[in-house]
Amino acid sequence: MQPFSPADAPNAMRVFVVCDQDATAPIWGYIIRQKGLVAILETSVQRAMERSVEEIPDLIVIDVNASHAQRMELCRQFRSLSNSPILLFLPSNNELEILEAYQNGVDECVVKPISPAIFLAKIMAWSKRSWTEPMTPRNAGRLRLDPSHRSAMGADGPEVKLTNLEFRLLHLLMSRPGYVFPAEEIIQTVWGAEGDVVLLKNVVYRLRKKLEEEAGEKRVIQTWPGGYSFVEE
C-alpha cells in the first residue's frame, strides 16, 4: 500500500516547521507528510523570518536552538502575520521564557526532549482545531476575493496573494461595504485575544500597499476615527 501523499489532498493542512537541527528537521518533516499533511521545512531562523511573509501555513512549529531573543522574535513575526496556532519547543523548563512565549502569541509550549509519537499526537490534535471560520468568495466593487487561493484580484490587476491576516481583514471589511468597523470589532474577529491596535495598523498598511501596487486598487480601505471601512469604487 502506497503512503498517503499530500498531493492527493490539495486542501491538506500546511505545517510550517522551523527546525535548525540537521538530524531532527527531516524526521519532523517525514512524520508530518506520512499523515497526509504538507510540511514546509526551514532550517535557518533568518530564512524562516523571510519566508513567514510568503507562506500561508495552518500550523507553525518552532524548534530551534537559537537564542531566547531569536526564538521570541520569530514567534512575534509569525503572530504579526497570521492567527494560525504556534507550537514552540523549548530546550528547558524556564518559567519566565514560557510566560514570555505565551505573551508573544504562542499557543502551546513543549519542553524537550519530545518523542516522535508525542510530536505527532500534538500535530494531529492541533490539526483538528477549526482555527478560522469558513470563508466564501466575496465581490465588492472592482475587487474579488478568492478564499481557495487566499488572493485578491482587481478589475485590471493580477492576482495578489495575501497573508492569512490580510485576507481575513479584507474579507471582513468587504462583507459590509461602506460600514465603519470599530477597531475593537476587527481585532476580535481577525485575531481574537492576541490582537492589538498596533498589529491592526500594520496589517492595514501592508494590505493597502498590496492592493494599490499590485492590484491597482486605490483608496478602497478608508481610515476613520476608531475604525476602518471598505469603499466600493
Protein backbone atom coordinates (compact mmCIF):
# COMPACT_ATOMS: atom_id res chain seq x y z
CA MET A 1 0.00 0.00 0.00
CA GLN A 2 1.42 3.36 -1.05
CA PRO A 3 1.77 6.00 1.67
CA PHE A 4 -0.66 8.89 1.55
CA SER A 5 0.71 11.88 -0.30
CA PRO A 6 -0.28 15.50 0.33
CA ALA A 7 -0.61 15.79 -3.44
CA ASP A 8 -3.70 13.59 -3.13
CA ALA A 9 -5.36 16.29 -1.00
CA PRO A 10 -4.75 19.80 -2.35
CA ASN A 11 -6.52 21.27 0.68
CA ALA A 12 -4.35 19.39 3.18
CA MET A 13 -3.26 21.28 6.25
CA ARG A 14 0.05 23.12 5.83
CA VAL A 15 2.54 22.90 8.70
CA PHE A 16 5.45 25.34 8.72
CA VAL A 17 8.30 23.75 10.70
CA VAL A 18 11.28 25.88 11.71
CA CYS A 19 13.99 23.50 12.95
CA ASP A 20 17.71 24.31 12.85
CA GLN A 21 18.84 20.79 13.82
CA ASP A 22 20.03 18.78 10.83
CA ALA A 23 19.19 15.41 12.38
CA THR A 24 15.74 16.38 13.64
CA ALA A 25 14.26 18.51 10.85
CA PRO A 26 13.94 15.64 8.32
CA ILE A 27 12.26 13.46 10.98
CA TRP A 28 9.62 16.06 11.74
CA GLY A 29 9.02 16.58 8.02
CA TYR A 30 8.69 12.85 7.36
CA ILE A 31 6.24 12.35 10.25
CA ILE A 32 4.04 15.20 9.07
CA ARG A 33 3.97 14.06 5.44
CA GLN A 34 3.18 10.46 6.42
CA LYS A 35 -0.10 11.76 7.82
CA GLY A 36 -1.00 13.42 4.56
CA LEU A 37 -0.18 16.94 5.70
CA VAL A 38 2.02 19.43 3.88
CA ALA A 39 5.35 20.06 5.63
CA ILE A 40 7.13 23.33 4.92
CA LEU A 41 10.62 22.91 6.38
CA GLU A 42 13.06 25.70 7.11
CA THR A 43 16.37 25.16 8.94
CA SER A 44 17.51 28.79 9.06
CA VAL A 45 15.95 31.20 11.55
CA GLN A 46 16.69 34.19 9.30
CA ARG A 47 15.26 32.45 6.26
CA ALA A 48 12.22 31.40 8.28
CA MET A 49 11.55 35.05 9.11
CA GLU A 50 11.77 35.93 5.42
CA ARG A 51 9.53 33.05 4.34
CA SER A 52 6.96 33.85 7.03
CA VAL A 53 5.71 36.62 4.76
CA GLU A 54 5.47 34.32 1.75
CA GLU A 55 3.89 31.20 3.23
CA ILE A 56 0.33 30.73 4.48
CA PRO A 57 0.53 27.86 7.00
CA ASP A 58 -2.30 26.41 9.09
CA LEU A 59 0.06 25.46 11.93
CA ILE A 60 3.51 26.76 12.88
CA VAL A 61 6.09 24.65 14.74
CA ILE A 62 9.23 26.32 16.09
CA ASP A 63 12.01 24.02 17.29
CA VAL A 64 15.27 25.95 17.23
CA ASN A 65 18.45 26.01 19.32
CA ALA A 66 18.82 29.73 18.68
CA SER A 67 18.99 32.32 21.43
CA HIS A 68 15.99 33.18 23.54
CA ALA A 69 15.74 36.57 21.82
CA GLN A 70 15.69 34.97 18.37
CA ARG A 71 13.00 32.50 19.41
CA MET A 72 10.79 35.27 20.74
CA GLU A 73 11.33 37.44 17.66
CA LEU A 74 10.38 34.51 15.44
CA CYS A 75 7.18 34.00 17.45
CA ARG A 76 6.31 37.70 17.21
CA GLN A 77 6.98 37.71 13.47
CA PHE A 78 4.66 34.78 12.80
CA ARG A 79 1.96 36.14 15.10
CA SER A 80 2.04 39.54 13.39
CA LEU A 81 1.30 37.85 10.05
CA SER A 82 -1.02 35.00 10.96
CA ASN A 83 -3.51 33.86 13.57
CA SER A 84 -2.59 30.21 12.96
CA PRO A 85 -1.60 28.21 16.07
CA ILE A 86 2.06 28.35 17.09
CA LEU A 87 3.68 25.35 18.81
CA LEU A 88 7.02 26.24 20.42
CA PHE A 89 9.61 23.69 21.57
CA LEU A 90 11.89 24.86 24.38
CA PRO A 91 15.24 23.37 25.49
CA SER A 92 14.49 23.74 29.21
CA ASN A 93 11.64 24.30 31.64
CA ASN A 94 12.19 28.02 32.15
CA GLU A 95 9.03 29.57 33.56
CA LEU A 96 9.96 33.14 32.58
CA GLU A 97 10.62 32.13 28.97
CA ILE A 98 7.38 30.15 28.82
CA LEU A 99 5.40 33.11 30.12
CA GLU A 100 7.06 35.44 27.62
CA ALA A 101 6.34 32.99 24.80
CA TYR A 102 2.63 32.99 25.62
CA GLN A 103 2.67 36.78 25.82
CA ASN A 104 4.12 36.81 22.29
CA GLY A 105 1.24 34.76 20.89
CA VAL A 106 2.43 31.16 21.27
CA ASP A 107 -0.44 28.70 21.72
CA GLU A 108 1.48 25.83 23.31
CA CYS A 109 4.97 25.44 24.78
CA VAL A 110 6.58 22.00 24.87
CA VAL A 111 9.73 21.32 26.87
CA LYS A 112 12.12 18.92 25.16
CA PRO A 113 13.00 16.14 24.81
CA ILE A 114 9.90 15.02 22.96
CA SER A 115 9.38 11.66 21.26
CA PRO A 116 8.20 11.35 17.64
CA ALA A 117 4.96 9.78 18.92
CA ILE A 118 4.17 12.75 21.16
CA PHE A 119 5.21 15.17 18.42
CA LEU A 120 2.77 13.54 16.02
CA ALA A 121 0.00 13.45 18.63
CA LYS A 122 0.33 17.20 19.19
CA ILE A 123 0.38 17.95 15.46
CA MET A 124 -2.76 15.90 14.87
CA ALA A 125 -4.51 17.43 17.89
CA TRP A 126 -3.88 20.95 16.61
CA SER A 127 -4.84 19.95 13.06
CA LYS A 128 -8.34 19.07 14.27
CA ARG A 129 -8.95 22.54 15.65
CA SER A 130 -11.03 24.78 13.45
CA TRP A 131 -8.95 27.91 13.91
CA THR A 132 -10.53 30.01 11.20
CA GLU A 133 -14.10 30.40 10.07
CA PRO A 134 -15.06 29.03 6.64
CA MET A 135 -14.95 31.85 4.12
CA THR A 136 -16.85 32.25 0.89
CA PRO A 137 -15.75 34.14 -2.23
CA ARG A 138 -16.57 37.81 -1.98
CA ASN A 139 -17.05 40.54 -4.59
CA ALA A 140 -17.36 44.23 -3.90
CA GLY A 141 -16.85 46.99 -6.40
CA ARG A 142 -13.98 46.06 -8.72
CA LEU A 143 -12.35 43.71 -6.23
CA ARG A 144 -12.82 39.95 -5.96
CA LEU A 145 -11.62 37.72 -3.10
CA ASP A 146 -10.81 34.05 -3.67
CA PRO A 147 -10.55 32.03 -0.39
CA SER A 148 -9.28 28.91 -2.17
CA HIS A 149 -6.11 30.80 -3.11
CA ARG A 150 -6.24 33.45 -0.36
CA SER A 151 -5.90 36.08 -3.01
CA ALA A 152 -7.49 39.27 -4.29
CA MET A 153 -7.94 40.42 -7.85
CA GLY A 154 -8.88 43.84 -9.17
CA ALA A 155 -10.62 44.54 -12.43
CA ASP A 156 -7.38 45.28 -14.26
CA GLY A 157 -4.67 43.94 -11.97
CA PRO A 158 -3.14 40.47 -11.49
CA GLU A 159 -3.93 38.06 -8.68
CA VAL A 160 -2.46 39.30 -5.40
CA LYS A 161 -1.50 36.74 -2.74
CA LEU A 162 -2.49 37.70 0.79
CA THR A 163 -1.37 36.51 4.19
CA ASN A 164 -3.93 34.86 6.46
CA LEU A 165 -4.49 38.06 8.45
CA GLU A 166 -4.62 40.29 5.36
CA PHE A 167 -7.24 38.06 3.80
CA ARG A 168 -9.37 37.83 6.96
CA LEU A 169 -9.27 41.59 7.42
CA LEU A 170 -10.24 42.33 3.82
CA HIS A 171 -12.93 39.63 3.87
CA LEU A 172 -14.47 41.24 6.94
CA LEU A 173 -14.38 44.79 5.55
CA MET A 174 -15.85 43.68 2.22
CA SER A 175 -18.74 41.95 3.97
CA ARG A 176 -20.36 45.38 4.58
CA PRO A 177 -19.04 47.98 2.10
CA GLY A 178 -19.29 51.49 3.50
CA TYR A 179 -19.73 50.35 7.08
CA VAL A 180 -17.11 51.59 9.53
CA PHE A 181 -15.94 48.60 11.56
CA PRO A 182 -14.69 49.65 15.00
CA ALA A 183 -11.06 48.66 15.59
CA GLU A 184 -12.08 46.55 18.59
CA GLU A 185 -14.53 44.54 16.48
CA ILE A 186 -11.92 43.96 13.78
CA ILE A 187 -9.31 42.82 16.31
CA GLN A 188 -11.71 40.40 17.99
CA THR A 189 -12.82 38.92 14.66
CA VAL A 190 -9.42 38.65 12.98
CA TRP A 191 -7.07 37.98 15.92
CA GLY A 192 -9.16 37.17 18.95
CA ALA A 193 -7.43 37.81 22.26
CA GLU A 194 -3.97 38.03 20.66
CA GLY A 195 -4.53 41.21 18.68
CA ASP A 196 -4.00 44.88 19.37
CA VAL A 197 -4.26 48.23 17.59
CA VAL A 198 -0.60 48.23 16.53
CA LEU A 199 -0.93 44.86 14.78
CA LEU A 200 -4.12 46.05 13.08
CA LYS A 201 -2.43 49.21 11.76
CA ASN A 202 0.48 47.15 10.42
CA VAL A 203 -1.81 44.75 8.57
CA VAL A 204 -3.88 47.62 7.14
CA TYR A 205 -0.67 49.29 5.90
CA ARG A 206 0.56 46.10 4.20
CA LEU A 207 -2.84 45.35 2.71
CA ARG A 208 -3.24 48.84 1.27
CA LYS A 209 0.22 48.68 -0.25
CA LYS A 210 -0.51 45.34 -1.92
CA LEU A 211 -3.88 46.44 -3.27
CA GLU A 212 -2.50 49.70 -4.62
CA GLU A 213 0.81 48.48 -6.04
CA GLU A 214 -0.17 45.00 -7.24
CA ALA A 215 -3.94 45.03 -7.84
CA GLY A 216 -4.18 48.65 -8.97
CA GLU A 217 -6.97 49.36 -6.47
CA LYS A 218 -6.54 52.63 -4.58
CA ARG A 219 -8.43 54.09 -1.64
CA VAL A 220 -10.65 51.05 -1.13
CA ILE A 221 -9.73 50.84 2.56
CA GLN A 222 -10.60 54.03 4.41
CA THR A 223 -9.46 55.07 7.88
CA TRP A 224 -11.99 56.66 10.21
CA PRO A 225 -11.78 57.79 13.83
CA GLY A 226 -11.70 54.48 15.69
CA GLY A 227 -12.16 52.17 12.73
CA TYR A 228 -11.89 51.20 9.05
CA SER A 229 -14.22 50.64 6.10
CA PHE A 230 -14.18 49.23 2.57
CA VAL A 231 -15.29 51.66 -0.11
CA GLU A 232 -16.62 50.43 -3.45
CA GLU A 233 -15.19 52.37 -6.35
